[in-house]
Every structure is written in structure tokens, then in C-alpha cells.
């Protein structure tokens, strides 16, 4: 078989910019950003004790215990908006998003200017994919507290999820104007710029993000991916290596470095990286596909065919139609060029 030509080379980035994966795009704020521990003037001493215990349990990650404590605090003082807000946090962390929304709504009925409760309720709505409701709540929080950086940041994450990258950039910029040290906002704004193919701006933001949060593998990874796209392969490898040093168990990082190595004609290094990605994640369809492509370029048709067939099988199982279609094309191409 003839090696596949460079023009047919198609390598798939498996984990460069993927929501909710090992390397998340968005560090979505969670409700426990807001532990309000104030008590109202008419609160009983016992309800305060339960509330303080609940608050401490929230911080320790004992959400079920916190829920029990806030239940007791609310029984003793049903007019304290903070108790409902904090119980909602516990419910959200336990996966009861509808119950959390109900408690946030009660908190807001008791205190209509409770900006944090609006933001927390919006976070729960966003998790339920009620993006319009989430944006409405974030906007209300901003109306109440115009210098509330997290509300701008949080609304931007929803715009990002909707693909409204320009609005996301605007909100991240507002958050950064309020809090210039907001490292994750630089990172997420960089991702939005990347989606718009504004790679210069994306690189600037990733670099700024690293000044504030230097131990984040996903930032090095995404900067490396951007460098790869603009042809700066050696710099991309350096960033992928930094990311691997921070998170050596992330399969996608090896896949991405393998891509850069292959583009520098380091086929041996690329195959090693794709193999490592497969070792770490045996169902990584993209890593099988990428290794198969490099093997095909080297004229190793039988090994290439085996890898790409496995990629097609996994992609079909995982509902990755784009990768499945491309794998089938490459299988046919190899079949048309037998040894």
C-alpha cells in the first residue's frame, strides 16, 4: 500500500476544548460561592446554632448533614432568607436542582434584593438547561448589584454555552473591569475568542490567565491547541508538556501533543503519544483514529486499518457522527490502496 498523502491527513483533536470533560472550557460557578452566614435580629439562639453548623458542613462538603441542619434552622425561623439560600446550596450539591430552585425562590420572596440568591438560582437553572431563565436571573442580580463580577462572569458562561460568543466576551470583559485578577475569566474569554477564530486575542487571554492561575492544565492545553492551529508546533508541544506535567493522567493531552509531533514529522513520538492516550483511556476514539492515520502515512496498512476500524466502532457507540463518517472514509481509502 502507498502511504497516505499529506493532503489526506486528518487528525482529530480529542480534548482540546470540550465542555465538561477532563479539560473543561468553563469553570462554571457553583452555588457554594455564596455561603451567607448572617442571621436576622429575631432569630433564636438555637436556630443560629443549627445555621452555623450547617454552614460549616457546607464548607466541609457534608451536604446531607448541612441539609439536616438548615431544615432545623428553618423550622425555628422560617423567615430567614439566608437559611433558605444555604439549604438550596446543599440541595443543589446533592443533585436536587428543582428543590434548590424552590428554596432560592423562597429566599427571594423574603428578600427581593438578594443578588446572590438570584445568581445561585440562575446556576441551578443553567444546569437544567433553562438558559433563558438563567440569563434573566443573572441580569436581575446585576441590576441589584452592578459591580457584581461573578454575576457577569456567570451570565457569560451561559452565553458561551449558547454559542453567543460576542455577548460572552462582553460580559467577561465587564467582570474583568471589576476584578482584574479574575484568572478564570481571562481563560473563558480566551475560549470565546478562540471560537470566533480570533487567535491572537485568545493567546493573549490564555497567557494572562496563566499569570493568575499558573497550575491549570487546561489553560496550557488550550493555548497549545491555539498555537498548533496557527502553525507554531514547537511552542504548542511546550504547552502540552506543561499541561502533562500538571495532569499526567489526562489522555487528551497526549493526543494533542501527538498531533503536534506528527506535524513536525516526528511519527515515532506521535505514535507513542497516541498509544499513551489509548492506555489512559481505552475508549478514546480520536486517539485510535489519529494513530491509525500516522500508521497509514508510514505505509503500515494492516495496523492502520485495525486502529481506524476501532475508532469507527467507538465513534458509532459514542454518537460521534463526524468522527465515524471520517473514519469510514479513511477505511475506504486504505482499502483502495492495498499492499
C-alpha atoms as a PDB file:
ATOM      1  CA  UNK A   1       0.000   0.000   0.000  1.00  0.00           C
ATOM      2  CA  UNK A   2       1.158   3.538  -0.721  1.00  0.00           C
ATOM      3  CA  UNK A   3       1.448   5.813   2.313  1.00  0.00           C
ATOM      4  CA  UNK A   4      -1.489   8.208   2.609  1.00  0.00           C
ATOM      5  CA  UNK A   5      -0.528  11.585   1.247  1.00  0.00           C
ATOM      6  CA  UNK A   6      -0.218  14.655   3.418  1.00  0.00           C
ATOM      7  CA  UNK A   7      -3.281  16.152   1.769  1.00  0.00           C
ATOM      8  CA  UNK A   8      -5.418  13.343   3.187  1.00  0.00           C
ATOM      9  CA  UNK A   9      -4.045  13.705   6.710  1.00  0.00           C
ATOM     10  CA  UNK A  10      -6.870  14.371   9.139  1.00  0.00           C
ATOM     11  CA  UNK A  11      -6.133  14.369  12.840  1.00  0.00           C
ATOM     12  CA  UNK A  12      -8.887  14.909  15.347  1.00  0.00           C
ATOM     13  CA  UNK A  13      -8.334  16.952  18.499  1.00  0.00           C
ATOM     14  CA  UNK A  14      -9.970  14.890  21.204  1.00  0.00           C
ATOM     15  CA  UNK A  15      -9.871  17.041  24.289  1.00  0.00           C
ATOM     16  CA  UNK A  16      -8.603  20.483  23.442  1.00  0.00           C
ATOM     17  CA  UNK A  17     -11.725  22.486  24.078  1.00  0.00           C
ATOM     18  CA  UNK A  18     -14.569  20.345  25.329  1.00  0.00           C
ATOM     19  CA  UNK A  19     -17.223  21.322  27.838  1.00  0.00           C
ATOM     20  CA  UNK A  20     -17.414  19.251  30.968  1.00  0.00           C
ATOM     21  CA  UNK A  21     -14.545  16.913  30.149  1.00  0.00           C
ATOM     22  CA  UNK A  22     -11.173  16.436  31.850  1.00  0.00           C
ATOM     23  CA  UNK A  23     -10.132  19.760  30.374  1.00  0.00           C
ATOM     24  CA  UNK A  24     -13.214  21.921  30.778  1.00  0.00           C
ATOM     25  CA  UNK A  25     -13.708  25.134  28.856  1.00  0.00           C
ATOM     26  CA  UNK A  26     -15.831  26.702  31.509  1.00  0.00           C
ATOM     27  CA  UNK A  27     -15.117  26.788  35.218  1.00  0.00           C
ATOM     28  CA  UNK A  28     -18.851  27.210  35.813  1.00  0.00           C
ATOM     29  CA  UNK A  29     -19.533  28.863  39.188  1.00  0.00           C
ATOM     30  CA  UNK A  30     -21.325  26.709  41.714  1.00  0.00           C
ATOM     31  CA  UNK A  31     -23.788  27.695  44.371  1.00  0.00           C
ATOM     32  CA  UNK A  32     -21.339  27.328  47.249  1.00  0.00           C
ATOM     33  CA  UNK A  33     -19.677  30.513  46.059  1.00  0.00           C
ATOM     34  CA  UNK A  34     -22.209  32.137  48.393  1.00  0.00           C
ATOM     35  CA  UNK A  35     -22.335  30.976  51.978  1.00  0.00           C
ATOM     36  CA  UNK A  36     -24.275  33.735  53.685  1.00  0.00           C
ATOM     37  CA  UNK A  37     -23.998  33.185  57.397  1.00  0.00           C
ATOM     38  CA  UNK A  38     -25.665  36.296  58.733  1.00  0.00           C
ATOM     39  CA  UNK A  39     -28.674  35.910  60.979  1.00  0.00           C
ATOM     40  CA  UNK A  40     -31.750  38.097  61.363  1.00  0.00           C
ATOM     41  CA  UNK A  41     -32.299  40.076  64.512  1.00  0.00           C
ATOM     42  CA  UNK A  42     -35.243  37.963  65.690  1.00  0.00           C
ATOM     43  CA  UNK A  43     -33.545  34.613  65.076  1.00  0.00           C
ATOM     44  CA  UNK A  44     -33.498  32.283  68.049  1.00  0.00           C
ATOM     45  CA  UNK A  45     -30.179  31.266  69.534  1.00  0.00           C
ATOM     46  CA  UNK A  46     -30.880  27.603  68.704  1.00  0.00           C
ATOM     47  CA  UNK A  47     -31.682  28.348  65.052  1.00  0.00           C
ATOM     48  CA  UNK A  48     -28.418  30.272  64.796  1.00  0.00           C
ATOM     49  CA  UNK A  49     -26.574  27.279  66.200  1.00  0.00           C
ATOM     50  CA  UNK A  50     -28.102  24.979  63.601  1.00  0.00           C
ATOM     51  CA  UNK A  51     -27.350  27.521  60.862  1.00  0.00           C
ATOM     52  CA  UNK A  52     -23.688  27.830  61.869  1.00  0.00           C
ATOM     53  CA  UNK A  53     -23.347  24.040  61.970  1.00  0.00           C
ATOM     54  CA  UNK A  54     -24.988  23.802  58.568  1.00  0.00           C
ATOM     55  CA  UNK A  55     -22.691  26.453  57.166  1.00  0.00           C
ATOM     56  CA  UNK A  56     -19.616  24.630  58.462  1.00  0.00           C
ATOM     57  CA  UNK A  57     -20.880  21.365  56.990  1.00  0.00           C
ATOM     58  CA  UNK A  58     -21.373  23.052  53.630  1.00  0.00           C
ATOM     59  CA  UNK A  59     -17.771  24.166  53.668  1.00  0.00           C
ATOM     60  CA  UNK A  60     -16.634  20.653  54.620  1.00  0.00           C
ATOM     61  CA  UNK A  61     -18.640  19.093  51.783  1.00  0.00           C
ATOM     62  CA  UNK A  62     -21.089  17.323  54.108  1.00  0.00           C
ATOM     63  CA  UNK A  63     -24.142  18.398  52.131  1.00  0.00           C
ATOM     64  CA  UNK A  64     -26.585  15.897  53.637  1.00  0.00           C
ATOM     65  CA  UNK A  65     -25.614  16.964  57.151  1.00  0.00           C
ATOM     66  CA  UNK A  66     -25.911  20.616  56.125  1.00  0.00           C
ATOM     67  CA  UNK A  67     -29.386  19.949  54.737  1.00  0.00           C
ATOM     68  CA  UNK A  68     -30.498  18.445  58.049  1.00  0.00           C
ATOM     69  CA  UNK A  69     -29.133  21.431  59.991  1.00  0.00           C
ATOM     70  CA  UNK A  70     -30.792  24.011  57.755  1.00  0.00           C
ATOM     71  CA  UNK A  71     -34.075  22.084  57.926  1.00  0.00           C
ATOM     72  CA  UNK A  72     -33.970  22.529  61.711  1.00  0.00           C
ATOM     73  CA  UNK A  73     -32.921  26.181  61.473  1.00  0.00           C
ATOM     74  CA  UNK A  74     -35.836  26.907  59.107  1.00  0.00           C
ATOM     75  CA  UNK A  75     -38.294  25.150  61.405  1.00  0.00           C
ATOM     76  CA  UNK A  76     -37.251  27.559  64.151  1.00  0.00           C
ATOM     77  CA  UNK A  77     -37.009  30.645  61.928  1.00  0.00           C
ATOM     78  CA  UNK A  78     -38.959  30.317  58.650  1.00  0.00           C
ATOM     79  CA  UNK A  79     -38.429  33.972  57.729  1.00  0.00           C
ATOM     80  CA  UNK A  80     -34.642  33.938  57.319  1.00  0.00           C
ATOM     81  CA  UNK A  81     -33.719  34.243  53.656  1.00  0.00           C
ATOM     82  CA  UNK A  82     -30.125  33.155  54.299  1.00  0.00           C
ATOM     83  CA  UNK A  83     -31.251  29.799  55.678  1.00  0.00           C
ATOM     84  CA  UNK A  84     -33.259  29.070  52.539  1.00  0.00           C
ATOM     85  CA  UNK A  85     -30.366  30.150  50.318  1.00  0.00           C
ATOM     86  CA  UNK A  86     -27.937  27.881  52.154  1.00  0.00           C
ATOM     87  CA  UNK A  87     -30.331  24.948  52.240  1.00  0.00           C
ATOM     88  CA  UNK A  88     -30.726  25.405  48.500  1.00  0.00           C
ATOM     89  CA  UNK A  89     -26.951  25.156  48.119  1.00  0.00           C
ATOM     90  CA  UNK A  90     -26.968  21.832  49.944  1.00  0.00           C
ATOM     91  CA  UNK A  91     -29.857  20.583  47.812  1.00  0.00           C
ATOM     92  CA  UNK A  92     -28.114  21.592  44.625  1.00  0.00           C
ATOM     93  CA  UNK A  93     -24.918  19.822  45.642  1.00  0.00           C
ATOM     94  CA  UNK A  94     -26.991  16.701  46.328  1.00  0.00           C
ATOM     95  CA  UNK A  95     -28.482  16.897  42.829  1.00  0.00           C
ATOM     96  CA  UNK A  96     -31.916  18.203  43.815  1.00  0.00           C
ATOM     97  CA  UNK A  97     -31.914  21.173  41.447  1.00  0.00           C
ATOM     98  CA  UNK A  98     -35.685  21.630  41.452  1.00  0.00           C
ATOM     99  CA  UNK A  99     -35.725  21.655  45.245  1.00  0.00           C
ATOM    100  CA  UNK A 100     -32.856  24.140  45.216  1.00  0.00           C
ATOM    101  CA  UNK A 101     -34.741  26.467  42.866  1.00  0.00           C
ATOM    102  CA  UNK A 102     -37.774  26.307  45.155  1.00  0.00           C
ATOM    103  CA  UNK A 103     -35.655  27.339  48.150  1.00  0.00           C
ATOM    104  CA  UNK A 104     -33.916  30.139  46.243  1.00  0.00           C
ATOM    105  CA  UNK A 105     -37.337  31.420  45.209  1.00  0.00           C
ATOM    106  CA  UNK A 106     -38.462  31.415  48.836  1.00  0.00           C
ATOM    107  CA  UNK A 107     -35.286  33.289  49.816  1.00  0.00           C
ATOM    108  CA  UNK A 108     -36.079  35.899  47.165  1.00  0.00           C
ATOM    109  CA  UNK A 109     -39.661  36.256  48.346  1.00  0.00           C
ATOM    110  CA  UNK A 110     -38.243  37.077  51.785  1.00  0.00           C
ATOM    111  CA  UNK A 111     -35.508  39.356  50.405  1.00  0.00           C
ATOM    112  CA  UNK A 112     -36.170  40.612  46.848  1.00  0.00           C
ATOM    113  CA  UNK A 113     -32.735  42.304  46.721  1.00  0.00           C
ATOM    114  CA  UNK A 114     -30.784  39.134  47.470  1.00  0.00           C
ATOM    115  CA  UNK A 115     -28.421  39.264  44.472  1.00  0.00           C
ATOM    116  CA  UNK A 116     -26.559  36.099  45.495  1.00  0.00           C
ATOM    117  CA  UNK A 117     -29.793  34.097  45.580  1.00  0.00           C
ATOM    118  CA  UNK A 118     -30.607  35.276  42.039  1.00  0.00           C
ATOM    119  CA  UNK A 119     -27.166  34.157  40.890  1.00  0.00           C
ATOM    120  CA  UNK A 120     -27.439  30.826  42.677  1.00  0.00           C
ATOM    121  CA  UNK A 121     -30.893  30.171  41.269  1.00  0.00           C
ATOM    122  CA  UNK A 122     -29.567  31.041  37.829  1.00  0.00           C
ATOM    123  CA  UNK A 123     -26.774  28.466  38.246  1.00  0.00           C
ATOM    124  CA  UNK A 124     -29.342  25.769  39.002  1.00  0.00           C
ATOM    125  CA  UNK A 125     -31.484  26.820  36.061  1.00  0.00           C
ATOM    126  CA  UNK A 126     -28.438  26.687  33.813  1.00  0.00           C
ATOM    127  CA  UNK A 127     -27.703  23.125  34.925  1.00  0.00           C
ATOM    128  CA  UNK A 128     -31.278  22.249  33.936  1.00  0.00           C
ATOM    129  CA  UNK A 129     -30.623  23.912  30.543  1.00  0.00           C
ATOM    130  CA  UNK A 130     -33.143  26.662  31.259  1.00  0.00           C
ATOM    131  CA  UNK A 131     -30.769  29.183  29.742  1.00  0.00           C
ATOM    132  CA  UNK A 132     -33.349  31.932  29.258  1.00  0.00           C
ATOM    133  CA  UNK A 133     -34.347  31.688  32.911  1.00  0.00           C
ATOM    134  CA  UNK A 134     -30.699  31.678  33.979  1.00  0.00           C
ATOM    135  CA  UNK A 135     -29.873  34.782  31.945  1.00  0.00           C
ATOM    136  CA  UNK A 136     -32.917  36.552  33.394  1.00  0.00           C
ATOM    137  CA  UNK A 137     -31.774  35.790  36.956  1.00  0.00           C
ATOM    138  CA  UNK A 138     -28.166  36.800  36.302  1.00  0.00           C
ATOM    139  CA  UNK A 139     -29.401  40.042  34.777  1.00  0.00           C
ATOM    140  CA  UNK A 140     -31.547  40.726  37.840  1.00  0.00           C
ATOM    141  CA  UNK A 141     -28.529  40.138  40.093  1.00  0.00           C
ATOM    142  CA  UNK A 142     -26.533  42.645  38.018  1.00  0.00           C
ATOM    143  CA  UNK A 143     -29.389  45.149  38.224  1.00  0.00           C
ATOM    144  CA  UNK A 144     -29.314  44.862  42.031  1.00  0.00           C
ATOM    145  CA  UNK A 145     -25.512  44.815  42.291  1.00  0.00           C
ATOM    146  CA  UNK A 146     -23.903  46.467  39.222  1.00  0.00           C
ATOM    147  CA  UNK A 147     -20.354  45.740  40.471  1.00  0.00           C
ATOM    148  CA  UNK A 148     -21.046  42.034  40.951  1.00  0.00           C
ATOM    149  CA  UNK A 149     -18.217  40.463  38.898  1.00  0.00           C
ATOM    150  CA  UNK A 150     -19.354  36.872  39.381  1.00  0.00           C
ATOM    151  CA  UNK A 151     -22.815  37.628  38.013  1.00  0.00           C
ATOM    152  CA  UNK A 152     -21.283  38.974  34.775  1.00  0.00           C
ATOM    153  CA  UNK A 153     -18.931  36.002  34.634  1.00  0.00           C
ATOM    154  CA  UNK A 154     -21.749  33.540  35.244  1.00  0.00           C
ATOM    155  CA  UNK A 155     -24.008  35.074  32.600  1.00  0.00           C
ATOM    156  CA  UNK A 156     -21.101  34.915  30.174  1.00  0.00           C
ATOM    157  CA  UNK A 157     -20.786  31.164  30.743  1.00  0.00           C
ATOM    158  CA  UNK A 158     -24.386  30.719  29.620  1.00  0.00           C
ATOM    159  CA  UNK A 159     -23.833  32.862  26.540  1.00  0.00           C
ATOM    160  CA  UNK A 160     -20.799  30.678  25.808  1.00  0.00           C
ATOM    161  CA  UNK A 161     -22.891  27.523  26.114  1.00  0.00           C
ATOM    162  CA  UNK A 162     -25.430  29.011  23.715  1.00  0.00           C
ATOM    163  CA  UNK A 163     -22.715  29.862  21.202  1.00  0.00           C
ATOM    164  CA  UNK A 164     -23.273  33.600  21.647  1.00  0.00           C
ATOM    165  CA  UNK A 165     -19.562  34.275  21.922  1.00  0.00           C
ATOM    166  CA  UNK A 166     -19.643  38.016  21.364  1.00  0.00           C
ATOM    167  CA  UNK A 167     -22.028  38.550  24.278  1.00  0.00           C
ATOM    168  CA  UNK A 168     -19.910  36.194  26.366  1.00  0.00           C
ATOM    169  CA  UNK A 169     -16.806  38.279  25.605  1.00  0.00           C
ATOM    170  CA  UNK A 170     -18.650  41.450  26.590  1.00  0.00           C
ATOM    171  CA  UNK A 171     -19.658  40.003  29.963  1.00  0.00           C
ATOM    172  CA  UNK A 172     -16.223  38.532  30.683  1.00  0.00           C
ATOM    173  CA  UNK A 173     -14.775  41.950  29.900  1.00  0.00           C
ATOM    174  CA  UNK A 174     -17.172  43.573  32.364  1.00  0.00           C
ATOM    175  CA  UNK A 175     -16.197  41.025  35.029  1.00  0.00           C
ATOM    176  CA  UNK A 176     -12.518  41.762  34.426  1.00  0.00           C
ATOM    177  CA  UNK A 177     -13.080  45.516  34.605  1.00  0.00           C
ATOM    178  CA  UNK A 178     -14.482  44.950  38.107  1.00  0.00           C
ATOM    179  CA  UNK A 179     -11.920  42.323  39.114  1.00  0.00           C
ATOM    180  CA  UNK A 180      -8.729  42.427  37.006  1.00  0.00           C
ATOM    181  CA  UNK A 181      -7.335  39.413  38.876  1.00  0.00           C
ATOM    182  CA  UNK A 182     -10.167  37.123  37.753  1.00  0.00           C
ATOM    183  CA  UNK A 183      -7.937  34.498  36.115  1.00  0.00           C
ATOM    184  CA  UNK A 184     -10.646  32.089  35.010  1.00  0.00           C
ATOM    185  CA  UNK A 185     -12.474  34.941  33.257  1.00  0.00           C
ATOM    186  CA  UNK A 186      -9.379  35.514  31.092  1.00  0.00           C
ATOM    187  CA  UNK A 187      -9.343  31.785  30.323  1.00  0.00           C
ATOM    188  CA  UNK A 188     -13.010  31.624  29.362  1.00  0.00           C
ATOM    189  CA  UNK A 189     -12.840  34.836  27.345  1.00  0.00           C
ATOM    190  CA  UNK A 190      -9.893  33.294  25.546  1.00  0.00           C
ATOM    191  CA  UNK A 191     -12.054  30.292  24.708  1.00  0.00           C
ATOM    192  CA  UNK A 192     -14.751  32.579  23.325  1.00  0.00           C
ATOM    193  CA  UNK A 193     -12.197  34.403  21.178  1.00  0.00           C
ATOM    194  CA  UNK A 194     -10.918  31.010  20.028  1.00  0.00           C
ATOM    195  CA  UNK A 195     -14.417  30.000  18.919  1.00  0.00           C
ATOM    196  CA  UNK A 196     -14.543  33.188  16.845  1.00  0.00           C
ATOM    197  CA  UNK A 197     -11.108  32.287  15.391  1.00  0.00           C
ATOM    198  CA  UNK A 198      -9.583  35.395  16.917  1.00  0.00           C
ATOM    199  CA  UNK A 199      -6.449  33.503  17.819  1.00  0.00           C
ATOM    200  CA  UNK A 200      -4.272  36.494  18.693  1.00  0.00           C
ATOM    201  CA  UNK A 201      -6.780  37.655  21.313  1.00  0.00           C
ATOM    202  CA  UNK A 202      -7.221  34.085  22.559  1.00  0.00           C
ATOM    203  CA  UNK A 203      -3.477  33.663  23.058  1.00  0.00           C
ATOM    204  CA  UNK A 204      -3.266  36.962  24.938  1.00  0.00           C
ATOM    205  CA  UNK A 205      -6.035  35.891  27.297  1.00  0.00           C
ATOM    206  CA  UNK A 206      -4.615  32.407  27.909  1.00  0.00           C
ATOM    207  CA  UNK A 207      -1.249  33.960  28.730  1.00  0.00           C
ATOM    208  CA  UNK A 208      -2.879  36.437  31.118  1.00  0.00           C
ATOM    209  CA  UNK A 209      -4.869  33.621  32.721  1.00  0.00           C
ATOM    210  CA  UNK A 210      -1.643  31.740  33.429  1.00  0.00           C
ATOM    211  CA  UNK A 211      -0.257  34.756  35.277  1.00  0.00           C
ATOM    212  CA  UNK A 212      -3.161  34.488  37.711  1.00  0.00           C
ATOM    213  CA  UNK A 213      -3.716  30.706  37.766  1.00  0.00           C
ATOM    214  CA  UNK A 214      -0.415  29.078  36.702  1.00  0.00           C
ATOM    215  CA  UNK A 215      -1.246  25.497  37.709  1.00  0.00           C
ATOM    216  CA  UNK A 216      -4.207  24.934  35.388  1.00  0.00           C
ATOM    217  CA  UNK A 217      -3.514  22.218  32.825  1.00  0.00           C
ATOM    218  CA  UNK A 218      -6.497  23.209  30.685  1.00  0.00           C
ATOM    219  CA  UNK A 219      -5.068  26.688  30.122  1.00  0.00           C
ATOM    220  CA  UNK A 220      -1.747  25.336  28.869  1.00  0.00           C
ATOM    221  CA  UNK A 221      -3.652  22.826  26.756  1.00  0.00           C
ATOM    222  CA  UNK A 222      -5.920  25.373  25.126  1.00  0.00           C
ATOM    223  CA  UNK A 223      -3.058  27.773  24.476  1.00  0.00           C
ATOM    224  CA  UNK A 224      -1.121  24.874  22.987  1.00  0.00           C
ATOM    225  CA  UNK A 225      -4.063  23.962  20.772  1.00  0.00           C
ATOM    226  CA  UNK A 226      -4.299  27.557  19.545  1.00  0.00           C
ATOM    227  CA  UNK A 227      -0.568  27.647  18.825  1.00  0.00           C
ATOM    228  CA  UNK A 228      -0.945  24.393  16.904  1.00  0.00           C
ATOM    229  CA  UNK A 229      -3.684  25.886  14.733  1.00  0.00           C
ATOM    230  CA  UNK A 230      -1.509  28.847  13.749  1.00  0.00           C
ATOM    231  CA  UNK A 231       1.438  26.601  12.902  1.00  0.00           C
ATOM    232  CA  UNK A 232       3.647  27.188  15.967  1.00  0.00           C
ATOM    233  CA  UNK A 233       4.084  23.475  16.593  1.00  0.00           C
ATOM    234  CA  UNK A 234       7.132  23.544  18.854  1.00  0.00           C
ATOM    235  CA  UNK A 235       5.559  26.128  21.147  1.00  0.00           C
ATOM    236  CA  UNK A 236       2.398  24.033  21.164  1.00  0.00           C
ATOM    237  CA  UNK A 237       4.403  20.998  22.287  1.00  0.00           C
ATOM    238  CA  UNK A 238       5.937  23.033  25.110  1.00  0.00           C
ATOM    239  CA  UNK A 239       2.485  23.982  26.358  1.00  0.00           C
ATOM    240  CA  UNK A 240       1.173  20.415  26.087  1.00  0.00           C
ATOM    241  CA  UNK A 241       4.197  19.235  28.067  1.00  0.00           C
ATOM    242  CA  UNK A 242       3.476  21.781  30.798  1.00  0.00           C
ATOM    243  CA  UNK A 243      -0.105  20.543  30.921  1.00  0.00           C
ATOM    244  CA  UNK A 244       1.032  16.909  31.111  1.00  0.00           C
ATOM    245  CA  UNK A 245       3.355  17.745  33.988  1.00  0.00           C
ATOM    246  CA  UNK A 246       0.367  19.155  35.885  1.00  0.00           C
ATOM    247  CA  UNK A 247      -2.081  16.396  34.905  1.00  0.00           C
ATOM    248  CA  UNK A 248      -0.223  13.305  33.632  1.00  0.00           C
ATOM    249  CA  UNK A 249      -3.403  11.174  33.623  1.00  0.00           C
ATOM    250  CA  UNK A 250      -5.292  13.271  31.065  1.00  0.00           C
ATOM    251  CA  UNK A 251      -5.409  11.218  27.873  1.00  0.00           C
ATOM    252  CA  UNK A 252      -6.366  14.160  25.669  1.00  0.00           C
ATOM    253  CA  UNK A 253      -3.129  15.968  26.428  1.00  0.00           C
ATOM    254  CA  UNK A 254      -1.081  13.145  24.914  1.00  0.00           C
ATOM    255  CA  UNK A 255      -3.385  13.056  21.911  1.00  0.00           C
ATOM    256  CA  UNK A 256      -2.857  16.767  21.341  1.00  0.00           C
ATOM    257  CA  UNK A 257       0.915  16.569  21.747  1.00  0.00           C
ATOM    258  CA  UNK A 258       0.879  13.640  19.347  1.00  0.00           C
ATOM    259  CA  UNK A 259      -0.787  15.824  16.755  1.00  0.00           C
ATOM    260  CA  UNK A 260       1.878  18.497  17.105  1.00  0.00           C
ATOM    261  CA  UNK A 261       4.669  15.921  16.960  1.00  0.00           C
ATOM    262  CA  UNK A 262       3.260  14.434  13.785  1.00  0.00           C
ATOM    263  CA  UNK A 263       3.056  17.854  12.178  1.00  0.00           C
ATOM    264  CA  UNK A 264       6.785  18.215  12.950  1.00  0.00           C
ATOM    265  CA  UNK A 265       7.305  14.855  11.179  1.00  0.00           C
ATOM    266  CA  UNK A 266       8.065  13.068  14.436  1.00  0.00           C
ATOM    267  CA  UNK A 267       5.976   9.996  13.623  1.00  0.00           C
ATOM    268  CA  UNK A 268       7.569   7.865  16.337  1.00  0.00           C
ATOM    269  CA  UNK A 269       6.819  10.436  19.028  1.00  0.00           C
ATOM    270  CA  UNK A 270       3.287  10.901  17.702  1.00  0.00           C
ATOM    271  CA  UNK A 271       2.556   7.167  17.833  1.00  0.00           C
ATOM    272  CA  UNK A 272       3.951   6.997  21.356  1.00  0.00           C
ATOM    273  CA  UNK A 273       1.623   9.796  22.432  1.00  0.00           C
ATOM    274  CA  UNK A 274      -1.468   8.327  20.791  1.00  0.00           C
ATOM    275  CA  UNK A 275      -0.656   4.961  22.362  1.00  0.00           C
ATOM    276  CA  UNK A 276      -0.334   6.601  25.771  1.00  0.00           C
ATOM    277  CA  UNK A 277      -3.700   8.300  25.285  1.00  0.00           C
ATOM    278  CA  UNK A 278      -5.244   4.912  24.498  1.00  0.00           C
ATOM    279  CA  UNK A 279      -3.571   3.340  27.538  1.00  0.00           C
ATOM    280  CA  UNK A 280      -5.098   6.019  29.756  1.00  0.00           C
ATOM    281  CA  UNK A 281      -8.470   5.984  28.010  1.00  0.00           C
ATOM    282  CA  UNK A 282      -9.120   2.766  26.070  1.00  0.00           C
ATOM    283  CA  UNK A 283     -12.330   4.178  24.573  1.00  0.00           C
ATOM    284  CA  UNK A 284     -10.691   7.315  23.136  1.00  0.00           C
ATOM    285  CA  UNK A 285     -11.897   7.010  19.552  1.00  0.00           C
ATOM    286  CA  UNK A 286      -9.896  10.016  18.365  1.00  0.00           C
ATOM    287  CA  UNK A 287      -6.609   8.593  19.654  1.00  0.00           C
ATOM    288  CA  UNK A 288      -7.202   5.332  17.763  1.00  0.00           C
ATOM    289  CA  UNK A 289      -8.084   7.320  14.652  1.00  0.00           C
ATOM    290  CA  UNK A 290      -5.038   9.554  14.918  1.00  0.00           C
ATOM    291  CA  UNK A 291      -2.653   6.659  15.479  1.00  0.00           C
ATOM    292  CA  UNK A 292      -4.204   4.893  12.516  1.00  0.00           C
ATOM    293  CA  UNK A 293      -3.664   7.907  10.287  1.00  0.00           C
ATOM    294  CA  UNK A 294       0.029   8.114  11.224  1.00  0.00           C
ATOM    295  CA  UNK A 295       0.461   4.375  10.646  1.00  0.00           C
ATOM    296  CA  UNK A 296      -1.188   4.769   7.251  1.00  0.00           C
ATOM    297  CA  UNK A 297       1.196   7.594   6.403  1.00  0.00           C
ATOM    298  CA  UNK A 298       4.040   5.203   7.190  1.00  0.00           C
ATOM    299  CA  UNK A 299       2.554   2.567   4.890  1.00  0.00           C
ATOM    300  CA  UNK A 300       1.604   0.180   7.732  1.00  0.00           C
ATOM    301  CA  UNK A 301      -1.799  -0.584   6.276  1.00  0.00           C
ATOM    302  CA  UNK A 302      -2.898  -3.547   8.385  1.00  0.00           C
ATOM    303  CA  UNK A 303      -2.140  -1.804  11.688  1.00  0.00           C
ATOM    304  CA  UNK A 304      -3.696   1.425  10.420  1.00  0.00           C
ATOM    305  CA  UNK A 305      -6.848  -0.354   9.329  1.00  0.00           C
ATOM    306  CA  UNK A 306      -7.208  -2.037  12.719  1.00  0.00           C
ATOM    307  CA  UNK A 307      -6.921   1.275  14.571  1.00  0.00           C
ATOM    308  CA  UNK A 308      -9.284   3.197  12.319  1.00  0.00           C
ATOM    309  CA  UNK A 309     -11.852   0.396  12.415  1.00  0.00           C
ATOM    310  CA  UNK A 310     -11.715   0.538  16.215  1.00  0.00           C
ATOM    311  CA  UNK A 311     -12.114   4.322  16.039  1.00  0.00           C
ATOM    312  CA  UNK A 312     -15.190   3.905  13.825  1.00  0.00           C
ATOM    313  CA  UNK A 313     -16.693   1.352  16.224  1.00  0.00           C
ATOM    314  CA  UNK A 314     -16.148   3.562  19.269  1.00  0.00           C
ATOM    315  CA  UNK A 315     -17.322   6.702  17.492  1.00  0.00           C
ATOM    316  CA  UNK A 316     -20.544   4.978  16.461  1.00  0.00           C
ATOM    317  CA  UNK A 317     -21.126   3.742  20.018  1.00  0.00           C
ATOM    318  CA  UNK A 318     -20.491   7.218  21.394  1.00  0.00           C
ATOM    319  CA  UNK A 319     -22.698   9.001  18.868  1.00  0.00           C
ATOM    320  CA  UNK A 320     -19.769  10.898  17.354  1.00  0.00           C
ATOM    321  CA  UNK A 321     -21.128  11.022  13.819  1.00  0.00           C
ATOM    322  CA  UNK A 322     -18.435  13.330  12.439  1.00  0.00           C
ATOM    323  CA  UNK A 323     -15.594  11.064  13.544  1.00  0.00           C
ATOM    324  CA  UNK A 324     -17.486   7.929  12.474  1.00  0.00           C
ATOM    325  CA  UNK A 325     -18.020   9.342   8.976  1.00  0.00           C
ATOM    326  CA  UNK A 326     -14.376  10.371   8.643  1.00  0.00           C
ATOM    327  CA  UNK A 327     -13.162   7.000   9.886  1.00  0.00           C
ATOM    328  CA  UNK A 328     -15.288   5.209   7.285  1.00  0.00           C
ATOM    329  CA  UNK A 329     -13.803   7.426   4.561  1.00  0.00           C
ATOM    330  CA  UNK A 330     -10.279   6.602   5.687  1.00  0.00           C
ATOM    331  CA  UNK A 331     -11.064   2.873   5.847  1.00  0.00           C
ATOM    332  CA  UNK A 332     -12.271   3.022   2.253  1.00  0.00           C
ATOM    333  CA  UNK A 333      -9.165   4.966   1.225  1.00  0.00           C
ATOM    334  CA  UNK A 334      -6.887   2.351   2.751  1.00  0.00           C
ATOM    335  CA  UNK A 335      -8.871  -0.392   1.033  1.00  0.00           C
ATOM    336  CA  UNK A 336      -8.360   1.339  -2.314  1.00  0.00           C
ATOM    337  CA  UNK A 337      -4.585   1.277  -1.798  1.00  0.00           C
ATOM    338  CA  UNK A 338      -3.788  -2.315  -0.794  1.00  0.00           C
ATOM    339  CA  UNK A 339      -0.265  -3.643  -0.457  1.00  0.00           C
END
